[in-house]
PDB file of N, CA and C in Angstrom:
ATOM      1  N   UNK A   1     -24.511 -24.216 -15.084  1.00  0.00           N
ATOM      2  CA  UNK A   1     -24.165 -22.884 -14.603  1.00  0.00           C
ATOM      3  C   UNK A   1     -22.661 -22.683 -14.784  1.00  0.00           C
ATOM      4  N   UNK A   2     -22.286 -21.558 -15.309  1.00  0.00           N
ATOM      5  CA  UNK A   2     -20.872 -21.295 -15.544  1.00  0.00           C
ATOM      6  C   UNK A   2     -20.145 -20.977 -14.239  1.00  0.00           C
ATOM      7  N   UNK A   3     -18.835 -21.116 -14.261  1.00  0.00           N
ATOM      8  CA  UNK A   3     -18.015 -20.859 -13.078  1.00  0.00           C
ATOM      9  C   UNK A   3     -18.105 -19.391 -12.694  1.00  0.00           C
ATOM     10  N   UNK A   4     -18.189 -18.505 -13.686  1.00  0.00           N
ATOM     11  CA  UNK A   4     -18.254 -17.079 -13.414  1.00  0.00           C
ATOM     12  C   UNK A   4     -19.492 -16.735 -12.578  1.00  0.00           C
ATOM     13  N   UNK A   5     -20.649 -17.308 -12.949  1.00  0.00           N
ATOM     14  CA  UNK A   5     -21.880 -17.038 -12.208  1.00  0.00           C
ATOM     15  C   UNK A   5     -21.855 -17.702 -10.839  1.00  0.00           C
ATOM     16  N   UNK A   6     -21.167 -18.819 -10.728  1.00  0.00           N
ATOM     17  CA  UNK A   6     -21.068 -19.535  -9.460  1.00  0.00           C
ATOM     18  C   UNK A   6     -20.299 -18.725  -8.425  1.00  0.00           C
ATOM     19  N   UNK A   7     -19.271 -17.983  -8.852  1.00  0.00           N
ATOM     20  CA  UNK A   7     -18.437 -17.208  -7.935  1.00  0.00           C
ATOM     21  C   UNK A   7     -18.977 -15.814  -7.670  1.00  0.00           C
ATOM     22  N   UNK A   8     -20.037 -15.412  -8.364  1.00  0.00           N
ATOM     23  CA  UNK A   8     -20.604 -14.076  -8.206  1.00  0.00           C
ATOM     24  C   UNK A   8     -21.120 -13.870  -6.790  1.00  0.00           C
ATOM     25  N   UNK A   9     -20.798 -12.723  -6.215  1.00  0.00           N
ATOM     26  CA  UNK A   9     -21.204 -12.420  -4.850  1.00  0.00           C
ATOM     27  C   UNK A   9     -22.514 -11.648  -4.874  1.00  0.00           C
ATOM     28  N   UNK A  10     -23.458 -12.112  -4.056  1.00  0.00           N
ATOM     29  CA  UNK A  10     -24.772 -11.491  -3.998  1.00  0.00           C
ATOM     30  C   UNK A  10     -25.137 -11.170  -2.560  1.00  0.00           C
ATOM     31  N   UNK A  11     -26.154 -10.383  -2.388  1.00  0.00           N
ATOM     32  CA  UNK A  11     -26.652 -10.038  -1.056  1.00  0.00           C
ATOM     33  C   UNK A  11     -27.091 -11.320  -0.342  1.00  0.00           C
ATOM     34  N   UNK A  12     -26.666 -11.448   0.915  1.00  0.00           N
ATOM     35  CA  UNK A  12     -27.031 -12.626   1.700  1.00  0.00           C
ATOM     36  C   UNK A  12     -26.010 -13.746   1.667  1.00  0.00           C
ATOM     37  N   UNK A  13     -25.004 -13.661   0.805  1.00  0.00           N
ATOM     38  CA  UNK A  13     -23.972 -14.690   0.725  1.00  0.00           C
ATOM     39  C   UNK A  13     -23.043 -14.635   1.931  1.00  0.00           C
ATOM     40  N   UNK A  14     -22.547 -15.792   2.339  1.00  0.00           N
ATOM     41  CA  UNK A  14     -21.510 -15.865   3.363  1.00  0.00           C
ATOM     42  C   UNK A  14     -20.172 -15.737   2.641  1.00  0.00           C
ATOM     43  N   UNK A  15     -19.323 -14.805   3.092  1.00  0.00           N
ATOM     44  CA  UNK A  15     -18.046 -14.562   2.437  1.00  0.00           C
ATOM     45  C   UNK A  15     -16.899 -14.657   3.441  1.00  0.00           C
ATOM     46  N   UNK A  16     -15.713 -14.940   2.917  1.00  0.00           N
ATOM     47  CA  UNK A  16     -14.476 -14.984   3.685  1.00  0.00           C
ATOM     48  C   UNK A  16     -13.628 -13.805   3.225  1.00  0.00           C
ATOM     49  N   UNK A  17     -13.062 -13.040   4.167  1.00  0.00           N
ATOM     50  CA  UNK A  17     -12.281 -11.851   3.831  1.00  0.00           C
ATOM     51  C   UNK A  17     -10.819 -12.257   3.687  1.00  0.00           C
ATOM     52  N   UNK A  18     -10.236 -11.946   2.522  1.00  0.00           N
ATOM     53  CA  UNK A  18      -8.879 -12.387   2.198  1.00  0.00           C
ATOM     54  C   UNK A  18      -7.792 -11.445   2.678  1.00  0.00           C
ATOM     55  N   UNK A  19      -8.036 -10.134   2.620  1.00  0.00           N
ATOM     56  CA  UNK A  19      -6.983  -9.194   2.994  1.00  0.00           C
ATOM     57  C   UNK A  19      -7.578  -7.948   3.622  1.00  0.00           C
ATOM     58  N   UNK A  20      -6.710  -7.166   4.267  1.00  0.00           N
ATOM     59  CA  UNK A  20      -7.136  -5.939   4.909  1.00  0.00           C
ATOM     60  C   UNK A  20      -7.215  -6.101   6.413  1.00  0.00           C
ATOM     61  N   UNK A  21      -7.818  -5.132   7.062  1.00  0.00           N
ATOM     62  CA  UNK A  21      -7.909  -5.109   8.521  1.00  0.00           C
ATOM     63  C   UNK A  21      -8.689  -6.298   9.076  1.00  0.00           C
ATOM     64  N   UNK A  22      -9.676  -6.777   8.344  1.00  0.00           N
ATOM     65  CA  UNK A  22     -10.541  -7.852   8.810  1.00  0.00           C
ATOM     66  C   UNK A  22     -10.188  -9.198   8.177  1.00  0.00           C
ATOM     67  N   UNK A  23      -8.982  -9.363   7.660  1.00  0.00           N
ATOM     68  CA  UNK A  23      -8.555 -10.595   6.983  1.00  0.00           C
ATOM     69  C   UNK A  23      -8.709 -11.792   7.911  1.00  0.00           C
ATOM     70  N   UNK A  24      -9.180 -12.892   7.340  1.00  0.00           N
ATOM     71  CA  UNK A  24      -9.364 -14.108   8.108  1.00  0.00           C
ATOM     72  C   UNK A  24     -10.740 -14.221   8.737  1.00  0.00           C
ATOM     73  N   UNK A  25     -11.550 -13.180   8.640  1.00  0.00           N
ATOM     74  CA  UNK A  25     -12.903 -13.199   9.204  1.00  0.00           C
ATOM     75  C   UNK A  25     -13.892 -13.641   8.129  1.00  0.00           C
ATOM     76  N   UNK A  26     -15.043 -14.086   8.586  1.00  0.00           N
ATOM     77  CA  UNK A  26     -16.113 -14.393   7.651  1.00  0.00           C
ATOM     78  C   UNK A  26     -17.355 -13.647   8.101  1.00  0.00           C
ATOM     79  N   UNK A  27     -18.233 -13.385   7.159  1.00  0.00           N
ATOM     80  CA  UNK A  27     -19.443 -12.634   7.469  1.00  0.00           C
ATOM     81  C   UNK A  27     -20.463 -12.740   6.364  1.00  0.00           C
ATOM     82  N   UNK A  28     -21.544 -12.012   6.529  1.00  0.00           N
ATOM     83  CA  UNK A  28     -22.658 -12.049   5.585  1.00  0.00           C
ATOM     84  C   UNK A  28     -22.738 -10.726   4.832  1.00  0.00           C
ATOM     85  N   UNK A  29     -22.956 -10.793   3.529  1.00  0.00           N
ATOM     86  CA  UNK A  29     -23.076  -9.597   2.696  1.00  0.00           C
ATOM     87  C   UNK A  29     -24.444  -8.968   2.934  1.00  0.00           C
ATOM     88  N   UNK A  30     -24.437  -7.709   3.389  1.00  0.00           N
ATOM     89  CA  UNK A  30     -25.675  -7.006   3.660  1.00  0.00           C
ATOM     90  C   UNK A  30     -26.152  -6.201   2.455  1.00  0.00           C
ATOM     91  N   UNK A  31     -25.197  -5.608   1.710  1.00  0.00           N
ATOM     92  CA  UNK A  31     -25.566  -4.855   0.502  1.00  0.00           C
ATOM     93  C   UNK A  31     -24.348  -4.740  -0.402  1.00  0.00           C
ATOM     94  N   UNK A  32     -24.607  -4.466  -1.668  1.00  0.00           N
ATOM     95  CA  UNK A  32     -23.565  -4.281  -2.674  1.00  0.00           C
ATOM     96  C   UNK A  32     -23.535  -2.814  -3.077  1.00  0.00           C
ATOM     97  N   UNK A  33     -22.346  -2.244  -3.127  1.00  0.00           N
ATOM     98  CA  UNK A  33     -22.175  -0.866  -3.587  1.00  0.00           C
ATOM     99  C   UNK A  33     -21.526  -0.943  -4.971  1.00  0.00           C
ATOM    100  N   UNK A  34     -22.346  -0.968  -6.000  1.00  0.00           N
ATOM    101  CA  UNK A  34     -21.867  -1.221  -7.360  1.00  0.00           C
ATOM    102  C   UNK A  34     -20.931  -0.135  -7.894  1.00  0.00           C
ATOM    103  N   UNK A  35     -21.231   1.126  -7.594  1.00  0.00           N
ATOM    104  CA  UNK A  35     -20.424   2.212  -8.158  1.00  0.00           C
ATOM    105  C   UNK A  35     -18.996   2.206  -7.633  1.00  0.00           C
ATOM    106  N   UNK A  36     -18.798   1.762  -6.398  1.00  0.00           N
ATOM    107  CA  UNK A  36     -17.442   1.718  -5.838  1.00  0.00           C
ATOM    108  C   UNK A  36     -16.890   0.296  -5.775  1.00  0.00           C
ATOM    109  N   UNK A  37     -17.647  -0.685  -6.260  1.00  0.00           N
ATOM    110  CA  UNK A  37     -17.261  -2.095  -6.295  1.00  0.00           C
ATOM    111  C   UNK A  37     -16.893  -2.619  -4.907  1.00  0.00           C
ATOM    112  N   UNK A  38     -17.735  -2.314  -3.935  1.00  0.00           N
ATOM    113  CA  UNK A  38     -17.499  -2.746  -2.560  1.00  0.00           C
ATOM    114  C   UNK A  38     -18.714  -3.505  -2.045  1.00  0.00           C
ATOM    115  N   UNK A  39     -18.497  -4.285  -0.991  1.00  0.00           N
ATOM    116  CA  UNK A  39     -19.583  -4.999  -0.341  1.00  0.00           C
ATOM    117  C   UNK A  39     -19.620  -4.614   1.132  1.00  0.00           C
ATOM    118  N   UNK A  40     -20.809  -4.460   1.666  1.00  0.00           N
ATOM    119  CA  UNK A  40     -21.017  -4.157   3.084  1.00  0.00           C
ATOM    120  C   UNK A  40     -21.145  -5.503   3.791  1.00  0.00           C
ATOM    121  N   UNK A  41     -20.184  -5.831   4.666  1.00  0.00           N
ATOM    122  CA  UNK A  41     -20.124  -7.146   5.293  1.00  0.00           C
ATOM    123  C   UNK A  41     -20.425  -7.034   6.781  1.00  0.00           C
ATOM    124  N   UNK A  42     -21.370  -7.840   7.251  1.00  0.00           N
ATOM    125  CA  UNK A  42     -21.660  -7.932   8.678  1.00  0.00           C
ATOM    126  C   UNK A  42     -20.831  -9.085   9.231  1.00  0.00           C
ATOM    127  N   UNK A  43     -19.797  -8.741  10.003  1.00  0.00           N
ATOM    128  CA  UNK A  43     -18.879  -9.740  10.540  1.00  0.00           C
ATOM    129  C   UNK A  43     -19.395 -10.199  11.896  1.00  0.00           C
ATOM    130  N   UNK A  44     -19.489 -11.521  12.055  1.00  0.00           N
ATOM    131  CA  UNK A  44     -19.992 -12.085  13.308  1.00  0.00           C
ATOM    132  C   UNK A  44     -19.000 -11.824  14.430  1.00  0.00           C
ATOM    133  N   UNK A  45     -19.511 -11.450  15.586  1.00  0.00           N
ATOM    134  CA  UNK A  45     -18.666 -11.247  16.760  1.00  0.00           C
ATOM    135  C   UNK A  45     -17.906  -9.937  16.779  1.00  0.00           C
ATOM    136  N   UNK A  46     -18.209  -9.041  15.865  1.00  0.00           N
ATOM    137  CA  UNK A  46     -17.519  -7.746  15.816  1.00  0.00           C
ATOM    138  C   UNK A  46     -18.285  -6.753  16.684  1.00  0.00           C
ATOM    139  N   UNK A  47     -17.612  -6.211  17.708  1.00  0.00           N
ATOM    140  CA  UNK A  47     -18.269  -5.255  18.594  1.00  0.00           C
ATOM    141  C   UNK A  47     -18.207  -3.847  17.997  1.00  0.00           C
ATOM    142  N   UNK A  48     -18.801  -2.879  18.695  1.00  0.00           N
ATOM    143  CA  UNK A  48     -18.844  -1.499  18.191  1.00  0.00           C
ATOM    144  C   UNK A  48     -17.458  -0.899  18.017  1.00  0.00           C
ATOM    145  N   UNK A  49     -16.493  -1.288  18.835  1.00  0.00           N
ATOM    146  CA  UNK A  49     -15.135  -0.739  18.719  1.00  0.00           C
ATOM    147  C   UNK A  49     -14.453  -1.202  17.432  1.00  0.00           C
ATOM    148  N   UNK A  50     -14.836  -2.354  16.909  1.00  0.00           N
ATOM    149  CA  UNK A  50     -14.231  -2.867  15.686  1.00  0.00           C
ATOM    150  C   UNK A  50     -14.887  -2.360  14.420  1.00  0.00           C
ATOM    151  N   UNK A  51     -16.052  -1.743  14.560  1.00  0.00           N
ATOM    152  CA  UNK A  51     -16.770  -1.254  13.386  1.00  0.00           C
ATOM    153  C   UNK A  51     -16.234   0.112  12.951  1.00  0.00           C
ATOM    154  N   UNK A  52     -16.690   0.573  11.793  1.00  0.00           N
ATOM    155  CA  UNK A  52     -16.306   1.871  11.255  1.00  0.00           C
ATOM    156  C   UNK A  52     -17.162   2.940  11.932  1.00  0.00           C
ATOM    157  N   UNK A  53     -16.527   4.000  12.442  1.00  0.00           N
ATOM    158  CA  UNK A  53     -17.252   5.065  13.134  1.00  0.00           C
ATOM    159  C   UNK A  53     -17.455   6.233  12.179  1.00  0.00           C
ATOM    160  N   UNK A  54     -18.715   6.674  12.070  1.00  0.00           N
ATOM    161  CA  UNK A  54     -19.041   7.837  11.251  1.00  0.00           C
ATOM    162  C   UNK A  54     -19.710   8.859  12.157  1.00  0.00           C
ATOM    163  N   UNK A  55     -19.196  10.065  12.170  1.00  0.00           N
ATOM    164  CA  UNK A  55     -19.780  11.136  12.970  1.00  0.00           C
ATOM    165  C   UNK A  55     -20.893  11.787  12.160  1.00  0.00           C
ATOM    166  N   UNK A  56     -22.096  11.801  12.737  1.00  0.00           N
ATOM    167  CA  UNK A  56     -23.275  12.352  12.072  1.00  0.00           C
ATOM    168  C   UNK A  56     -23.506  13.775  12.571  1.00  0.00           C
ATOM    169  N   UNK A  57     -23.673  14.728  11.664  1.00  0.00           N
ATOM    170  CA  UNK A  57     -23.938  16.095  12.106  1.00  0.00           C
ATOM    171  C   UNK A  57     -25.359  16.230  12.620  1.00  0.00           C
ATOM    172  N   UNK A  58     -25.617  17.380  13.184  1.00  0.00           N
ATOM    173  CA  UNK A  58     -26.943  17.648  13.729  1.00  0.00           C
ATOM    174  C   UNK A  58     -27.988  17.620  12.628  1.00  0.00           C
ATOM    175  N   UNK A  59     -29.121  17.064  12.966  1.00  0.00           N
ATOM    176  CA  UNK A  59     -30.254  17.038  12.048  1.00  0.00           C
ATOM    177  C   UNK A  59     -31.517  16.882  12.890  1.00  0.00           C
ATOM    178  N   UNK A  60     -32.665  16.837  12.252  1.00  0.00           N
ATOM    179  CA  UNK A  60     -33.897  16.632  13.007  1.00  0.00           C
ATOM    180  C   UNK A  60     -33.921  15.250  13.641  1.00  0.00           C
ATOM    181  N   UNK A  61     -33.325  14.294  12.961  1.00  0.00           N
ATOM    182  CA  UNK A  61     -33.275  12.933  13.494  1.00  0.00           C
ATOM    183  C   UNK A  61     -32.318  12.830  14.681  1.00  0.00           C
ATOM    184  N   UNK A  62     -31.172  13.505  14.592  1.00  0.00           N
ATOM    185  CA  UNK A  62     -30.172  13.525  15.655  1.00  0.00           C
ATOM    186  C   UNK A  62     -29.907  14.980  16.049  1.00  0.00           C
ATOM    187  N   UNK A  63     -30.674  15.552  16.979  1.00  0.00           N
ATOM    188  CA  UNK A  63     -30.555  16.972  17.315  1.00  0.00           C
ATOM    189  C   UNK A  63     -29.172  17.377  17.842  1.00  0.00           C
ATOM    190  N   UNK A  64     -28.482  16.484  18.530  1.00  0.00           N
ATOM    191  CA  UNK A  64     -27.158  16.802  19.058  1.00  0.00           C
ATOM    192  C   UNK A  64     -26.035  16.148  18.271  1.00  0.00           C
ATOM    193  N   UNK A  65     -26.361  15.537  17.164  1.00  0.00           N
ATOM    194  CA  UNK A  65     -25.358  14.785  16.430  1.00  0.00           C
ATOM    195  C   UNK A  65     -25.135  13.453  17.123  1.00  0.00           C
ATOM    196  N   UNK A  66     -24.402  12.548  16.503  1.00  0.00           N
ATOM    197  CA  UNK A  66     -24.149  11.239  17.104  1.00  0.00           C
ATOM    198  C   UNK A  66     -23.004  10.541  16.382  1.00  0.00           C
ATOM    199  N   UNK A  67     -22.590   9.423  16.913  1.00  0.00           N
ATOM    200  CA  UNK A  67     -21.617   8.549  16.257  1.00  0.00           C
ATOM    201  C   UNK A  67     -22.385   7.334  15.747  1.00  0.00           C
ATOM    202  N   UNK A  68     -22.193   7.013  14.485  1.00  0.00           N
ATOM    203  CA  UNK A  68     -22.809   5.821  13.918  1.00  0.00           C
ATOM    204  C   UNK A  68     -21.738   4.743  13.792  1.00  0.00           C
ATOM    205  N   UNK A  69     -22.041   3.543  14.230  1.00  0.00           N
ATOM    206  CA  UNK A  69     -21.131   2.415  14.116  1.00  0.00           C
ATOM    207  C   UNK A  69     -21.616   1.556  12.955  1.00  0.00           C
ATOM    208  N   UNK A  70     -20.866   1.578  11.859  1.00  0.00           N
ATOM    209  CA  UNK A  70     -21.276   0.936  10.618  1.00  0.00           C
ATOM    210  C   UNK A  70     -20.455  -0.316  10.332  1.00  0.00           C
ATOM    211  N   UNK A  71     -21.076  -1.237   9.590  1.00  0.00           N
ATOM    212  CA  UNK A  71     -20.340  -2.412   9.128  1.00  0.00           C
ATOM    213  C   UNK A  71     -19.286  -1.966   8.126  1.00  0.00           C
ATOM    214  N   UNK A  72     -18.138  -2.644   8.076  1.00  0.00           N
ATOM    215  CA  UNK A  72     -17.111  -2.242   7.124  1.00  0.00           C
ATOM    216  C   UNK A  72     -17.517  -2.564   5.686  1.00  0.00           C
ATOM    217  N   UNK A  73     -17.068  -1.722   4.762  1.00  0.00           N
ATOM    218  CA  UNK A  73     -17.229  -2.019   3.344  1.00  0.00           C
ATOM    219  C   UNK A  73     -15.865  -2.480   2.833  1.00  0.00           C
ATOM    220  N   UNK A  74     -15.865  -3.560   2.093  1.00  0.00           N
ATOM    221  CA  UNK A  74     -14.629  -4.191   1.630  1.00  0.00           C
ATOM    222  C   UNK A  74     -14.710  -4.338   0.122  1.00  0.00           C
ATOM    223  N   UNK A  75     -13.595  -4.080  -0.554  1.00  0.00           N
ATOM    224  CA  UNK A  75     -13.571  -4.205  -2.007  1.00  0.00           C
ATOM    225  C   UNK A  75     -13.886  -5.639  -2.397  1.00  0.00           C
ATOM    226  N   UNK A  76     -14.633  -5.799  -3.460  1.00  0.00           N
ATOM    227  CA  UNK A  76     -15.125  -7.111  -3.873  1.00  0.00           C
ATOM    228  C   UNK A  76     -13.979  -8.078  -4.219  1.00  0.00           C
ATOM    229  N   UNK A  77     -12.822  -7.560  -4.597  1.00  0.00           N
ATOM    230  CA  UNK A  77     -11.694  -8.443  -4.924  1.00  0.00           C
ATOM    231  C   UNK A  77     -11.048  -9.028  -3.678  1.00  0.00           C
ATOM    232  N   UNK A  78     -11.371  -8.490  -2.498  1.00  0.00           N
ATOM    233  CA  UNK A  78     -10.786  -8.977  -1.254  1.00  0.00           C
ATOM    234  C   UNK A  78     -11.682  -9.947  -0.503  1.00  0.00           C
ATOM    235  N   UNK A  79     -12.776 -10.375  -1.114  1.00  0.00           N
ATOM    236  CA  UNK A  79     -13.654 -11.363  -0.492  1.00  0.00           C
ATOM    237  C   UNK A  79     -13.911 -12.504  -1.470  1.00  0.00           C
ATOM    238  N   UNK A  80     -14.203 -13.668  -0.912  1.00  0.00           N
ATOM    239  CA  UNK A  80     -14.553 -14.829  -1.725  1.00  0.00           C
ATOM    240  C   UNK A  80     -15.698 -15.540  -1.016  1.00  0.00           C
ATOM    241  N   UNK A  81     -16.604 -16.137  -1.797  1.00  0.00           N
ATOM    242  CA  UNK A  81     -17.710 -16.874  -1.204  1.00  0.00           C
ATOM    243  C   UNK A  81     -17.164 -17.986  -0.322  1.00  0.00           C
ATOM    244  N   UNK A  82     -17.762 -18.189   0.823  1.00  0.00           N
ATOM    245  CA  UNK A  82     -17.275 -19.164   1.785  1.00  0.00           C
ATOM    246  C   UNK A  82     -17.387 -20.591   1.247  1.00  0.00           C
ATOM    247  N   UNK A  83     -18.486 -20.919   0.586  1.00  0.00           N
ATOM    248  CA  UNK A  83     -18.627 -22.276   0.058  1.00  0.00           C
ATOM    249  C   UNK A  83     -17.659 -22.536  -1.101  1.00  0.00           C
ATOM    250  N   UNK A  84     -17.381 -21.517  -1.899  1.00  0.00           N
ATOM    251  CA  UNK A  84     -16.413 -21.657  -2.991  1.00  0.00           C
ATOM    252  C   UNK A  84     -15.008 -21.880  -2.422  1.00  0.00           C
ATOM    253  N   UNK A  85     -14.659 -21.160  -1.362  1.00  0.00           N
ATOM    254  CA  UNK A  85     -13.346 -21.306  -0.722  1.00  0.00           C
ATOM    255  C   UNK A  85     -13.213 -22.709  -0.127  1.00  0.00           C
ATOM    256  N   UNK A  86     -14.252 -23.179   0.539  1.00  0.00           N
ATOM    257  CA  UNK A  86     -14.207 -24.512   1.138  1.00  0.00           C
ATOM    258  C   UNK A  86     -14.081 -25.594   0.066  1.00  0.00           C
ATOM    259  N   UNK A  87     -14.768 -25.388  -1.054  1.00  0.00           N
ATOM    260  CA  UNK A  87     -14.690 -26.363  -2.139  1.00  0.00           C
ATOM    261  C   UNK A  87     -13.272 -26.420  -2.714  1.00  0.00           C
ATOM    262  N   UNK A  88     -12.644 -25.262  -2.883  1.00  0.00           N
ATOM    263  CA  UNK A  88     -11.279 -25.196  -3.421  1.00  0.00           C
ATOM    264  C   UNK A  88     -10.269 -25.822  -2.469  1.00  0.00           C
ATOM    265  N   UNK A  89     -10.488 -25.649  -1.153  1.00  0.00           N
ATOM    266  CA  UNK A  89      -9.564 -26.178  -0.152  1.00  0.00           C
ATOM    267  C   UNK A  89      -9.834 -27.641   0.144  1.00  0.00           C
ATOM    268  N   UNK A  90     -10.954 -28.190  -0.340  1.00  0.00           N
ATOM    269  CA  UNK A  90     -11.278 -29.586  -0.094  1.00  0.00           C
ATOM    270  C   UNK A  90     -11.917 -29.825   1.255  1.00  0.00           C
ATOM    271  N   UNK A  91     -12.478 -28.783   1.859  1.00  0.00           N
ATOM    272  CA  UNK A  91     -13.100 -28.938   3.168  1.00  0.00           C
ATOM    273  C   UNK A  91     -14.614 -28.795   3.100  1.00  0.00           C
ATOM    274  N   UNK A  92     -15.159 -28.883   1.911  1.00  0.00           N
ATOM    275  CA  UNK A  92     -16.611 -28.732   1.775  1.00  0.00           C
ATOM    276  C   UNK A  92     -17.319 -29.929   2.419  1.00  0.00           C
ATOM    277  N   UNK A  93     -18.508 -29.705   2.947  1.00  0.00           N
ATOM    278  CA  UNK A  93     -19.262 -30.748   3.644  1.00  0.00           C
ATOM    279  C   UNK A  93     -19.609 -31.893   2.703  1.00  0.00           C
ATOM    280  N   UNK A  94     -19.949 -31.564   1.451  1.00  0.00           N
ATOM    281  CA  UNK A  94     -20.344 -32.597   0.494  1.00  0.00           C
ATOM    282  C   UNK A  94     -19.181 -33.546   0.210  1.00  0.00           C
ATOM    283  N   UNK A  95     -17.989 -32.993   0.068  1.00  0.00           N
ATOM    284  CA  UNK A  95     -16.824 -33.818  -0.249  1.00  0.00           C
ATOM    285  C   UNK A  95     -16.449 -34.716   0.913  1.00  0.00           C
ATOM    286  N   UNK A  96     -16.577 -34.232   2.146  1.00  0.00           N
ATOM    287  CA  UNK A  96     -16.235 -35.045   3.298  1.00  0.00           C
ATOM    288  C   UNK A  96     -17.202 -36.212   3.454  1.00  0.00           C
ATOM    289  N   UNK A  97     -18.460 -36.020   3.069  1.00  0.00           N
ATOM    290  CA  UNK A  97     -19.451 -37.092   3.148  1.00  0.00           C
ATOM    291  C   UNK A  97     -19.161 -38.137   2.081  1.00  0.00           C
ATOM    292  N   UNK A  98     -18.770 -37.705   0.882  1.00  0.00           N
ATOM    293  CA  UNK A  98     -18.499 -38.633  -0.209  1.00  0.00           C
ATOM    294  C   UNK A  98     -17.284 -39.511   0.065  1.00  0.00           C
ATOM    295  N   UNK A  99     -16.276 -38.995   0.758  1.00  0.00           N
ATOM    296  CA  UNK A  99     -15.058 -39.762   0.994  1.00  0.00           C
ATOM    297  C   UNK A  99     -15.199 -40.781   2.123  1.00  0.00           C
ATOM    298  N   UNK A 100     -16.251 -40.655   2.949  1.00  0.00           N
ATOM    299  CA  UNK A 100     -16.437 -41.578   4.076  1.00  0.00           C
ATOM    300  C   UNK A 100     -16.956 -42.907   3.664  1.00  0.00           C
TER     301      UNK A 100
END
């Protein structure tokens, strides 16, 4: 498998956020937005106040309108796979077992 395919981010991958408001956090990729090159990341331990707020207008589903609390979308260049990052830093589980 080539290195390029190994680093490819897919739905369900655990990722580490490199920059932006959520830098230093890790989470799971829920969906990929190909046209805008962004990923929807579910960050563990993030409450409703930390999520992105979208005001929904009135509709049959929401007769009075509502606030939707959405997971943040982050540009794909600002995230890296968690296992790839650990491997690069030398903290991967496999490497620690081999050195013992």
